Amino acid sequence: MIRSELIQKIADENPHLYQRDVERIVNTVFEEVTDAMARGDRVELRGFGAFSVKQRDARVGRNPRTGETVQVEEKSVPFFKTGKLLRDRLNGKA
């Protein structure tokens, strides 16, 4: 599902809301999650999962084309851990 499909589905299920308002709500939620992660905070959506940021250490990598060694800098990467309810639904238990 892409963002526009999510917006359309929410708008269809809530006919009392204008689509532009639904779009603003969805964009605000995504922006808040992104901003919180950029600050290094953890975002938890009960039953769905938790978004957090993990640090990857600097390391020596290898260019696959040339075989040359290159330095890879330390970086932050997003991490998602599923919640129990989502895991159970995916495995047919709920």
N, C-alpha and C. Protein backbone atom coordinates (compact mmCIF):
# COMPACT_ATOMS: atom_id res chain seq x y z
N MET A 1 0.85 -1.18 0.00
CA MET A 1 0.00 0.00 0.00
C MET A 1 0.90 1.24 0.00
N ILE A 2 0.56 2.19 -0.82
CA ILE A 2 1.31 3.44 -0.86
C ILE A 2 0.49 4.53 -0.16
N ARG A 3 1.13 5.66 0.07
CA ARG A 3 0.50 6.74 0.84
C ARG A 3 -0.85 7.17 0.26
N SER A 4 -0.92 7.33 -1.05
CA SER A 4 -2.18 7.77 -1.67
C SER A 4 -3.29 6.73 -1.49
N GLU A 5 -2.94 5.45 -1.51
CA GLU A 5 -3.95 4.40 -1.27
C GLU A 5 -4.44 4.43 0.17
N LEU A 6 -3.53 4.69 1.10
CA LEU A 6 -3.91 4.82 2.51
C LEU A 6 -4.87 5.99 2.70
N ILE A 7 -4.53 7.12 2.10
CA ILE A 7 -5.37 8.31 2.21
C ILE A 7 -6.75 8.03 1.63
N GLN A 8 -6.81 7.39 0.47
CA GLN A 8 -8.08 7.08 -0.17
C GLN A 8 -8.91 6.13 0.68
N LYS A 9 -8.28 5.11 1.26
CA LYS A 9 -9.01 4.13 2.08
C LYS A 9 -9.60 4.80 3.32
N ILE A 10 -8.81 5.66 3.98
CA ILE A 10 -9.31 6.36 5.17
C ILE A 10 -10.45 7.30 4.79
N ALA A 11 -10.30 8.00 3.66
CA ALA A 11 -11.35 8.92 3.20
C ALA A 11 -12.63 8.16 2.87
N ASP A 12 -12.50 6.98 2.25
CA ASP A 12 -13.68 6.17 1.90
C ASP A 12 -14.39 5.66 3.15
N GLU A 13 -13.62 5.31 4.18
CA GLU A 13 -14.22 4.78 5.41
C GLU A 13 -14.77 5.88 6.32
N ASN A 14 -14.42 7.13 6.02
CA ASN A 14 -14.89 8.26 6.83
C ASN A 14 -15.46 9.34 5.91
N PRO A 15 -16.66 9.11 5.39
CA PRO A 15 -17.23 10.04 4.41
C PRO A 15 -17.50 11.44 4.98
N HIS A 16 -17.51 11.58 6.29
CA HIS A 16 -17.73 12.90 6.90
C HIS A 16 -16.47 13.77 6.86
N LEU A 17 -15.33 13.20 6.45
CA LEU A 17 -14.08 13.96 6.35
C LEU A 17 -13.77 14.25 4.88
N TYR A 18 -13.25 15.45 4.63
CA TYR A 18 -12.81 15.79 3.28
C TYR A 18 -11.49 15.08 3.00
N GLN A 19 -11.27 14.72 1.75
CA GLN A 19 -10.04 14.02 1.39
C GLN A 19 -8.81 14.88 1.70
N ARG A 20 -8.89 16.18 1.48
CA ARG A 20 -7.73 17.04 1.77
C ARG A 20 -7.40 17.05 3.26
N ASP A 21 -8.43 16.92 4.13
CA ASP A 21 -8.19 16.84 5.57
C ASP A 21 -7.54 15.52 5.94
N VAL A 22 -8.00 14.44 5.33
CA VAL A 22 -7.40 13.12 5.57
C VAL A 22 -5.94 13.13 5.13
N GLU A 23 -5.67 13.74 3.98
CA GLU A 23 -4.31 13.83 3.48
C GLU A 23 -3.42 14.61 4.45
N ARG A 24 -3.94 15.70 4.99
CA ARG A 24 -3.20 16.50 5.95
C ARG A 24 -2.92 15.70 7.22
N ILE A 25 -3.91 14.92 7.68
CA ILE A 25 -3.74 14.10 8.90
C ILE A 25 -2.65 13.05 8.68
N VAL A 26 -2.73 12.32 7.57
CA VAL A 26 -1.76 11.27 7.28
C VAL A 26 -0.36 11.87 7.16
N ASN A 27 -0.23 12.98 6.44
CA ASN A 27 1.08 13.62 6.28
C ASN A 27 1.63 14.09 7.62
N THR A 28 0.77 14.61 8.49
CA THR A 28 1.19 15.07 9.81
C THR A 28 1.70 13.90 10.65
N VAL A 29 1.00 12.78 10.61
CA VAL A 29 1.43 11.60 11.37
C VAL A 29 2.81 11.15 10.90
N PHE A 30 2.99 11.03 9.58
CA PHE A 30 4.29 10.60 9.04
C PHE A 30 5.39 11.60 9.38
N GLU A 31 5.09 12.88 9.32
CA GLU A 31 6.09 13.91 9.65
C GLU A 31 6.49 13.83 11.12
N GLU A 32 5.52 13.61 11.99
CA GLU A 32 5.81 13.51 13.42
C GLU A 32 6.66 12.29 13.73
N VAL A 33 6.35 11.16 13.10
CA VAL A 33 7.16 9.95 13.28
C VAL A 33 8.59 10.21 12.80
N THR A 34 8.72 10.82 11.63
CA THR A 34 10.04 11.12 11.06
C THR A 34 10.81 12.08 11.96
N ASP A 35 10.15 13.14 12.43
CA ASP A 35 10.81 14.12 13.30
C ASP A 35 11.27 13.48 14.62
N ALA A 36 10.43 12.63 15.19
CA ALA A 36 10.79 11.97 16.45
C ALA A 36 12.01 11.06 16.24
N MET A 37 12.02 10.34 15.14
CA MET A 37 13.16 9.46 14.87
C MET A 37 14.43 10.27 14.59
N ALA A 38 14.28 11.42 13.94
CA ALA A 38 15.44 12.28 13.67
C ALA A 38 16.04 12.80 14.98
N ARG A 39 15.20 12.97 16.00
CA ARG A 39 15.69 13.39 17.32
C ARG A 39 16.27 12.22 18.11
N GLY A 40 16.10 11.01 17.58
CA GLY A 40 16.61 9.82 18.26
C GLY A 40 15.58 9.18 19.17
N ASP A 41 14.34 9.66 19.12
CA ASP A 41 13.27 9.10 19.96
C ASP A 41 12.73 7.82 19.34
N ARG A 42 12.06 7.04 20.18
CA ARG A 42 11.40 5.81 19.75
C ARG A 42 9.91 6.11 19.60
N VAL A 43 9.29 5.59 18.54
CA VAL A 43 7.86 5.80 18.31
C VAL A 43 7.18 4.44 18.37
N GLU A 44 6.23 4.29 19.30
CA GLU A 44 5.55 3.02 19.47
C GLU A 44 4.07 3.18 19.15
N LEU A 45 3.56 2.32 18.28
CA LEU A 45 2.14 2.25 17.95
C LEU A 45 1.65 0.91 18.48
N ARG A 46 0.94 0.93 19.59
CA ARG A 46 0.51 -0.29 20.27
C ARG A 46 -0.20 -1.24 19.31
N GLY A 47 0.20 -2.50 19.34
CA GLY A 47 -0.39 -3.51 18.49
C GLY A 47 0.19 -3.56 17.09
N PHE A 48 0.86 -2.51 16.68
CA PHE A 48 1.44 -2.45 15.33
C PHE A 48 2.95 -2.67 15.38
N GLY A 49 3.64 -1.83 16.14
CA GLY A 49 5.08 -1.99 16.25
C GLY A 49 5.75 -0.73 16.74
N ALA A 50 7.08 -0.77 16.74
CA ALA A 50 7.86 0.35 17.24
C ALA A 50 8.94 0.72 16.23
N PHE A 51 9.06 2.02 15.99
CA PHE A 51 10.11 2.55 15.12
C PHE A 51 11.20 3.11 16.02
N SER A 52 12.45 2.82 15.69
CA SER A 52 13.57 3.37 16.44
C SER A 52 14.73 3.59 15.49
N VAL A 53 15.79 4.15 16.04
CA VAL A 53 16.99 4.44 15.25
C VAL A 53 18.13 3.63 15.82
N LYS A 54 18.86 2.94 14.96
CA LYS A 54 20.04 2.20 15.39
C LYS A 54 21.27 2.82 14.75
N GLN A 55 22.38 2.73 15.47
CA GLN A 55 23.65 3.25 14.97
C GLN A 55 24.45 2.12 14.36
N ARG A 56 24.98 2.36 13.17
CA ARG A 56 25.90 1.41 12.56
C ARG A 56 27.30 1.99 12.68
N ASP A 57 28.21 1.20 13.17
CA ASP A 57 29.59 1.66 13.36
C ASP A 57 30.29 1.85 12.02
N ALA A 58 31.34 2.67 12.06
CA ALA A 58 32.19 2.83 10.88
C ALA A 58 32.89 1.50 10.62
N ARG A 59 33.16 1.22 9.37
CA ARG A 59 33.79 -0.05 9.03
C ARG A 59 34.53 0.08 7.72
N VAL A 60 35.27 -0.95 7.40
CA VAL A 60 35.96 -1.00 6.11
C VAL A 60 35.11 -1.87 5.20
N GLY A 61 34.69 -1.28 4.06
CA GLY A 61 33.88 -2.01 3.10
C GLY A 61 34.70 -2.30 1.85
N ARG A 62 34.05 -2.93 0.90
CA ARG A 62 34.74 -3.27 -0.33
C ARG A 62 33.84 -2.91 -1.51
N ASN A 63 34.40 -2.22 -2.49
CA ASN A 63 33.69 -1.90 -3.72
C ASN A 63 33.52 -3.20 -4.50
N PRO A 64 32.28 -3.64 -4.73
CA PRO A 64 32.09 -4.94 -5.39
C PRO A 64 32.57 -4.97 -6.85
N ARG A 65 32.61 -3.83 -7.48
CA ARG A 65 33.04 -3.79 -8.89
C ARG A 65 34.55 -3.89 -9.03
N THR A 66 35.26 -3.13 -8.18
CA THR A 66 36.71 -3.08 -8.33
C THR A 66 37.45 -3.90 -7.29
N GLY A 67 36.80 -4.24 -6.19
CA GLY A 67 37.46 -4.96 -5.12
C GLY A 67 38.25 -4.04 -4.20
N GLU A 68 38.24 -2.76 -4.49
CA GLU A 68 38.98 -1.77 -3.70
C GLU A 68 38.32 -1.60 -2.33
N THR A 69 39.14 -1.47 -1.28
CA THR A 69 38.59 -1.24 0.06
C THR A 69 38.24 0.23 0.22
N VAL A 70 37.12 0.49 0.89
CA VAL A 70 36.67 1.85 1.12
C VAL A 70 36.23 1.98 2.58
N GLN A 71 36.36 3.19 3.12
CA GLN A 71 35.90 3.46 4.47
C GLN A 71 34.42 3.80 4.42
N VAL A 72 33.62 3.12 5.23
CA VAL A 72 32.18 3.41 5.35
C VAL A 72 31.99 4.11 6.69
N GLU A 73 31.44 5.31 6.64
CA GLU A 73 31.27 6.11 7.86
C GLU A 73 30.18 5.55 8.76
N GLU A 74 30.24 5.96 10.03
CA GLU A 74 29.19 5.63 10.98
C GLU A 74 27.89 6.27 10.50
N LYS A 75 26.77 5.57 10.68
CA LYS A 75 25.50 6.15 10.25
C LYS A 75 24.34 5.64 11.09
N SER A 76 23.25 6.39 11.04
CA SER A 76 22.01 6.02 11.72
C SER A 76 21.08 5.40 10.69
N VAL A 77 20.39 4.32 11.10
CA VAL A 77 19.45 3.66 10.20
C VAL A 77 18.13 3.44 10.94
N PRO A 78 17.00 3.56 10.22
CA PRO A 78 15.70 3.29 10.86
C PRO A 78 15.54 1.79 11.12
N PHE A 79 14.83 1.47 12.19
CA PHE A 79 14.60 0.09 12.57
C PHE A 79 13.15 -0.05 12.99
N PHE A 80 12.49 -1.13 12.54
CA PHE A 80 11.09 -1.37 12.90
C PHE A 80 10.97 -2.74 13.53
N LYS A 81 10.34 -2.80 14.68
CA LYS A 81 10.08 -4.07 15.36
C LYS A 81 8.57 -4.23 15.45
N THR A 82 8.05 -5.34 14.93
CA THR A 82 6.61 -5.55 14.92
C THR A 82 6.08 -5.78 16.32
N GLY A 83 4.83 -5.37 16.51
CA GLY A 83 4.15 -5.61 17.77
C GLY A 83 3.56 -7.00 17.80
N LYS A 84 3.19 -7.48 18.96
CA LYS A 84 2.67 -8.84 19.12
C LYS A 84 1.39 -9.05 18.32
N LEU A 85 0.48 -8.09 18.33
CA LEU A 85 -0.79 -8.23 17.61
C LEU A 85 -0.55 -8.37 16.11
N LEU A 86 0.33 -7.55 15.54
CA LEU A 86 0.64 -7.63 14.12
C LEU A 86 1.29 -8.97 13.79
N ARG A 87 2.24 -9.39 14.62
CA ARG A 87 2.92 -10.68 14.40
C ARG A 87 1.92 -11.82 14.41
N ASP A 88 1.00 -11.79 15.37
CA ASP A 88 -0.01 -12.85 15.48
C ASP A 88 -0.93 -12.86 14.26
N ARG A 89 -1.35 -11.68 13.79
CA ARG A 89 -2.23 -11.62 12.60
C ARG A 89 -1.52 -12.14 11.36
N LEU A 90 -0.23 -11.82 11.23
CA LEU A 90 0.53 -12.29 10.07
C LEU A 90 0.70 -13.81 10.09
N ASN A 91 0.73 -14.38 11.29
CA ASN A 91 0.92 -15.82 11.42
C ASN A 91 -0.40 -16.57 11.60
N GLY A 92 -1.53 -15.89 11.39
CA GLY A 92 -2.84 -16.53 11.43
C GLY A 92 -3.33 -16.92 12.80
N LYS A 93 -2.81 -16.29 13.83
CA LYS A 93 -3.22 -16.67 15.20
C LYS A 93 -4.32 -15.78 15.74
N ALA A 94 -4.58 -14.67 15.09
CA ALA A 94 -5.63 -13.77 15.61
C ALA A 94 -6.63 -13.42 14.54
